[in-house]
Amino acid sequence: MRKILFGLFVVMLGVTFVVPVFAKKGPGGILDASTSVDTDVIWSVPAFIELSVSADSFVFPEFDPGIDEYLAEDAVILYVSSNSDWSLTYELDGDAEAIAHLEVILSQDSGNGNATVSVDYLLTGLRDMAPGTYEVTVVYTATAE
């Protein structure tokens, strides 16, 4: 029985003096019992794009008789909101003769992020057109690249 008690005494002394040697000490020599882990935080942001226009329609002013060409500067403004590269296109819909005389001029047709794009409308060959009222629909499309 004495041998068992002596053995337990030796083990306790070993634990008391040996284990603290391997413990991490913090400021002031006090044992610092801490641990840390890390984790990754991951997410994906998809590309987005929004397009709006300053006016639903544009009406040219009355022309002087005999004028052959008319440029309407900043006829409408397009507003592109995006978090990526984008491109801007348009299609014309309406009477073929009217479409043949209308040119759409974009101040820029591609970009990155938000942009304000002014649009000019140029009418050409007005002397060759029959008198009347013409209407063309311009469909603008913004595409995230």
C-alpha atoms as a PDB file:
ATOM      1  CA  MET A   1       0.000   0.000   0.000  1.00  0.00           C
ATOM      2  CA  ARG A   2       2.897   2.317   0.723  1.00  0.00           C
ATOM      3  CA  LYS A   3       4.264   1.690  -2.737  1.00  0.00           C
ATOM      4  CA  ILE A   4       0.962   2.689  -4.311  1.00  0.00           C
ATOM      5  CA  LEU A   5       0.761   5.874  -2.253  1.00  0.00           C
ATOM      6  CA  PHE A   6       4.381   6.690  -3.050  1.00  0.00           C
ATOM      7  CA  GLY A   7       3.667   6.112  -6.779  1.00  0.00           C
ATOM      8  CA  LEU A   8       0.646   8.428  -6.685  1.00  0.00           C
ATOM      9  CA  PHE A   9       2.740  11.048  -4.865  1.00  0.00           C
ATOM     10  CA  VAL A  10       5.418  10.908  -7.590  1.00  0.00           C
ATOM     11  CA  VAL A  11       2.793  11.212 -10.355  1.00  0.00           C
ATOM     12  CA  MET A  12       1.211  14.231  -8.655  1.00  0.00           C
ATOM     13  CA  LEU A  13       4.600  15.923  -8.290  1.00  0.00           C
ATOM     14  CA  GLY A  14       5.324  15.274 -11.960  1.00  0.00           C
ATOM     15  CA  VAL A  15       2.012  16.749 -13.042  1.00  0.00           C
ATOM     16  CA  THR A  16       2.495  19.724 -10.733  1.00  0.00           C
ATOM     17  CA  PHE A  17       5.989  20.618 -12.045  1.00  0.00           C
ATOM     18  CA  VAL A  18       6.156  19.230 -15.593  1.00  0.00           C
ATOM     19  CA  VAL A  19       2.785  20.169 -17.132  1.00  0.00           C
ATOM     20  CA  PRO A  20       3.103  23.923 -16.401  1.00  0.00           C
ATOM     21  CA  VAL A  21       6.393  23.972 -18.323  1.00  0.00           C
ATOM     22  CA  PHE A  22       4.506  23.123 -21.508  1.00  0.00           C
ATOM     23  CA  ALA A  23       1.667  25.588 -20.883  1.00  0.00           C
ATOM     24  CA  LYS A  24       1.611  28.898 -22.784  1.00  0.00           C
ATOM     25  CA  LYS A  25       2.354  31.878 -20.577  1.00  0.00           C
ATOM     26  CA  GLY A  26       0.728  35.250 -21.175  1.00  0.00           C
ATOM     27  CA  PRO A  27       1.686  38.722 -19.940  1.00  0.00           C
ATOM     28  CA  GLY A  28       3.091  38.807 -16.421  1.00  0.00           C
ATOM     29  CA  GLY A  29       3.950  35.094 -16.466  1.00  0.00           C
ATOM     30  CA  ILE A  30       0.340  34.082 -15.897  1.00  0.00           C
ATOM     31  CA  LEU A  31      -0.696  30.950 -17.722  1.00  0.00           C
ATOM     32  CA  ASP A  32      -2.742  31.791 -20.812  1.00  0.00           C
ATOM     33  CA  ALA A  33      -5.239  29.076 -21.555  1.00  0.00           C
ATOM     34  CA  SER A  34      -6.640  29.912 -24.989  1.00  0.00           C
ATOM     35  CA  THR A  35      -7.073  28.507 -28.426  1.00  0.00           C
ATOM     36  CA  SER A  36      -8.224  29.910 -31.765  1.00  0.00           C
ATOM     37  CA  VAL A  37      -9.741  28.690 -34.988  1.00  0.00           C
ATOM     38  CA  ASP A  38     -10.477  30.384 -38.282  1.00  0.00           C
ATOM     39  CA  THR A  39     -13.150  30.020 -40.906  1.00  0.00           C
ATOM     40  CA  ASP A  40     -13.519  31.255 -44.478  1.00  0.00           C
ATOM     41  CA  VAL A  41     -16.515  33.381 -45.429  1.00  0.00           C
ATOM     42  CA  ILE A  42     -17.328  33.103 -49.134  1.00  0.00           C
ATOM     43  CA  TRP A  43     -20.013  34.712 -51.296  1.00  0.00           C
ATOM     44  CA  SER A  44     -20.697  35.451 -54.945  1.00  0.00           C
ATOM     45  CA  VAL A  45     -22.145  38.650 -56.362  1.00  0.00           C
ATOM     46  CA  PRO A  46     -23.889  38.247 -59.720  1.00  0.00           C
ATOM     47  CA  ALA A  47     -23.647  40.884 -62.432  1.00  0.00           C
ATOM     48  CA  PHE A  48     -26.622  43.225 -62.627  1.00  0.00           C
ATOM     49  CA  ILE A  49     -27.672  45.958 -64.991  1.00  0.00           C
ATOM     50  CA  GLU A  50     -30.532  48.447 -65.092  1.00  0.00           C
ATOM     51  CA  LEU A  51     -31.417  50.842 -67.895  1.00  0.00           C
ATOM     52  CA  SER A  52     -33.728  53.843 -67.789  1.00  0.00           C
ATOM     53  CA  VAL A  53     -34.432  56.730 -70.150  1.00  0.00           C
ATOM     54  CA  SER A  54     -35.074  60.402 -69.445  1.00  0.00           C
ATOM     55  CA  ALA A  55     -38.236  60.590 -71.573  1.00  0.00           C
ATOM     56  CA  ASP A  56     -40.729  58.150 -73.049  1.00  0.00           C
ATOM     57  CA  SER A  57     -40.805  60.056 -76.326  1.00  0.00           C
ATOM     58  CA  PHE A  58     -39.051  62.799 -78.254  1.00  0.00           C
ATOM     59  CA  VAL A  59     -40.818  65.108 -80.686  1.00  0.00           C
ATOM     60  CA  PHE A  60     -38.757  67.075 -83.185  1.00  0.00           C
ATOM     61  CA  PRO A  61     -39.603  70.774 -83.500  1.00  0.00           C
ATOM     62  CA  GLU A  62     -41.206  72.083 -86.698  1.00  0.00           C
ATOM     63  CA  PHE A  63     -38.676  72.304 -89.510  1.00  0.00           C
ATOM     64  CA  ASP A  64     -38.156  75.195 -91.887  1.00  0.00           C
ATOM     65  CA  PRO A  65     -39.406  74.272 -95.362  1.00  0.00           C
ATOM     66  CA  GLY A  66     -36.660  72.802 -97.526  1.00  0.00           C
ATOM     67  CA  ILE A  67     -34.354  71.746 -94.670  1.00  0.00           C
ATOM     68  CA  ASP A  68     -32.566  68.511 -95.555  1.00  0.00           C
ATOM     69  CA  GLU A  69     -30.933  67.550 -92.256  1.00  0.00           C
ATOM     70  CA  TYR A  70     -31.647  68.133 -88.570  1.00  0.00           C
ATOM     71  CA  LEU A  71     -29.580  67.136 -85.522  1.00  0.00           C
ATOM     72  CA  ALA A  72     -31.322  66.922 -82.147  1.00  0.00           C
ATOM     73  CA  GLU A  73     -28.486  66.878 -79.610  1.00  0.00           C
ATOM     74  CA  ASP A  74     -29.127  65.233 -76.233  1.00  0.00           C
ATOM     75  CA  ALA A  75     -32.613  64.252 -77.391  1.00  0.00           C
ATOM     76  CA  VAL A  76     -32.817  61.684 -74.591  1.00  0.00           C
ATOM     77  CA  ILE A  77     -30.484  60.524 -71.846  1.00  0.00           C
ATOM     78  CA  LEU A  78     -29.967  56.865 -70.976  1.00  0.00           C
ATOM     79  CA  TYR A  79     -28.994  55.933 -67.421  1.00  0.00           C
ATOM     80  CA  VAL A  80     -27.054  52.700 -67.009  1.00  0.00           C
ATOM     81  CA  SER A  81     -26.627  51.254 -63.515  1.00  0.00           C
ATOM     82  CA  SER A  82     -24.356  48.229 -63.333  1.00  0.00           C
ATOM     83  CA  ASN A  83     -21.649  46.535 -61.316  1.00  0.00           C
ATOM     84  CA  SER A  84     -19.930  45.067 -64.381  1.00  0.00           C
ATOM     85  CA  ASP A  85     -18.828  45.767 -67.934  1.00  0.00           C
ATOM     86  CA  TRP A  86     -21.772  46.411 -70.241  1.00  0.00           C
ATOM     87  CA  SER A  87     -22.686  47.122 -73.824  1.00  0.00           C
ATOM     88  CA  LEU A  88     -25.522  49.205 -75.204  1.00  0.00           C
ATOM     89  CA  THR A  89     -27.384  48.510 -78.458  1.00  0.00           C
ATOM     90  CA  TYR A  90     -30.591  49.701 -80.081  1.00  0.00           C
ATOM     91  CA  GLU A  91     -33.119  48.572 -82.679  1.00  0.00           C
ATOM     92  CA  LEU A  92     -35.442  50.707 -84.759  1.00  0.00           C
ATOM     93  CA  ASP A  93     -39.058  49.692 -85.286  1.00  0.00           C
ATOM     94  CA  GLY A  94     -41.499  51.418 -87.602  1.00  0.00           C
ATOM     95  CA  ASP A  95     -42.045  52.387 -91.222  1.00  0.00           C
ATOM     96  CA  ALA A  96     -39.049  51.446 -93.385  1.00  0.00           C
ATOM     97  CA  GLU A  97     -38.944  54.880 -95.039  1.00  0.00           C
ATOM     98  CA  ALA A  98     -38.875  56.653 -91.665  1.00  0.00           C
ATOM     99  CA  ILE A  99     -36.188  54.295 -90.353  1.00  0.00           C
ATOM    100  CA  ALA A 100     -34.055  55.023 -93.443  1.00  0.00           C
ATOM    101  CA  HIS A 101     -33.935  58.721 -92.506  1.00  0.00           C
ATOM    102  CA  LEU A 102     -33.249  58.434 -88.756  1.00  0.00           C
ATOM    103  CA  GLU A 103     -29.801  57.918 -87.274  1.00  0.00           C
ATOM    104  CA  VAL A 104     -29.306  57.252 -83.543  1.00  0.00           C
ATOM    105  CA  ILE A 105     -25.994  58.506 -82.152  1.00  0.00           C
ATOM    106  CA  LEU A 106     -24.950  57.172 -78.722  1.00  0.00           C
ATOM    107  CA  SER A 107     -22.301  59.098 -76.797  1.00  0.00           C
ATOM    108  CA  GLN A 108     -20.943  55.677 -75.730  1.00  0.00           C
ATOM    109  CA  ASP A 109     -21.965  52.108 -76.481  1.00  0.00           C
ATOM    110  CA  SER A 110     -20.026  50.275 -73.772  1.00  0.00           C
ATOM    111  CA  GLY A 111     -18.610  50.912 -70.346  1.00  0.00           C
ATOM    112  CA  ASN A 112     -18.197  49.704 -66.791  1.00  0.00           C
ATOM    113  CA  GLY A 113     -20.330  50.542 -63.779  1.00  0.00           C
ATOM    114  CA  ASN A 114     -22.783  53.422 -63.798  1.00  0.00           C
ATOM    115  CA  ALA A 115     -23.024  55.789 -66.766  1.00  0.00           C
ATOM    116  CA  THR A 116     -25.073  58.590 -68.253  1.00  0.00           C
ATOM    117  CA  VAL A 117     -25.301  58.212 -72.028  1.00  0.00           C
ATOM    118  CA  SER A 118     -26.611  61.061 -74.136  1.00  0.00           C
ATOM    119  CA  VAL A 119     -28.400  60.190 -77.358  1.00  0.00           C
ATOM    120  CA  ASP A 120     -28.578  62.418 -80.433  1.00  0.00           C
ATOM    121  CA  TYR A 121     -31.106  61.891 -83.227  1.00  0.00           C
ATOM    122  CA  LEU A 122     -30.084  62.866 -86.754  1.00  0.00           C
ATOM    123  CA  LEU A 123     -32.656  63.144 -89.528  1.00  0.00           C
ATOM    124  CA  THR A 124     -31.240  63.111 -93.062  1.00  0.00           C
ATOM    125  CA  GLY A 125     -32.721  63.321 -96.547  1.00  0.00           C
ATOM    126  CA  LEU A 126     -35.767  65.259 -95.393  1.00  0.00           C
ATOM    127  CA  ARG A 127     -36.199  66.833 -98.859  1.00  0.00           C
ATOM    128  CA  ASP A 128     -36.764  63.361-100.287  1.00  0.00           C
ATOM    129  CA  MET A 129     -39.564  62.491 -97.842  1.00  0.00           C
ATOM    130  CA  ALA A 130     -43.238  63.014 -98.567  1.00  0.00           C
ATOM    131  CA  PRO A 131     -45.031  65.481 -96.275  1.00  0.00           C
ATOM    132  CA  GLY A 132     -46.517  63.837 -93.212  1.00  0.00           C
ATOM    133  CA  THR A 133     -45.884  62.708 -89.678  1.00  0.00           C
ATOM    134  CA  TYR A 134     -43.471  59.849 -89.098  1.00  0.00           C
ATOM    135  CA  GLU A 135     -42.875  57.752 -85.999  1.00  0.00           C
ATOM    136  CA  VAL A 136     -40.087  55.321 -85.148  1.00  0.00           C
ATOM    137  CA  THR A 137     -39.702  53.369 -81.916  1.00  0.00           C
ATOM    138  CA  VAL A 138     -36.146  53.021 -80.628  1.00  0.00           C
ATOM    139  CA  VAL A 139     -35.625  50.003 -78.375  1.00  0.00           C
ATOM    140  CA  TYR A 140     -32.460  50.314 -76.281  1.00  0.00           C
ATOM    141  CA  THR A 141     -30.869  47.221 -74.735  1.00  0.00           C
ATOM    142  CA  ALA A 142     -28.138  47.180 -72.085  1.00  0.00           C
ATOM    143  CA  THR A 143     -26.316  43.874 -71.631  1.00  0.00           C
ATOM    144  CA  ALA A 144     -23.984  42.959 -68.761  1.00  0.00           C
ATOM    145  CA  GLU A 145     -20.812  41.422 -70.152  1.00  0.00           C
END
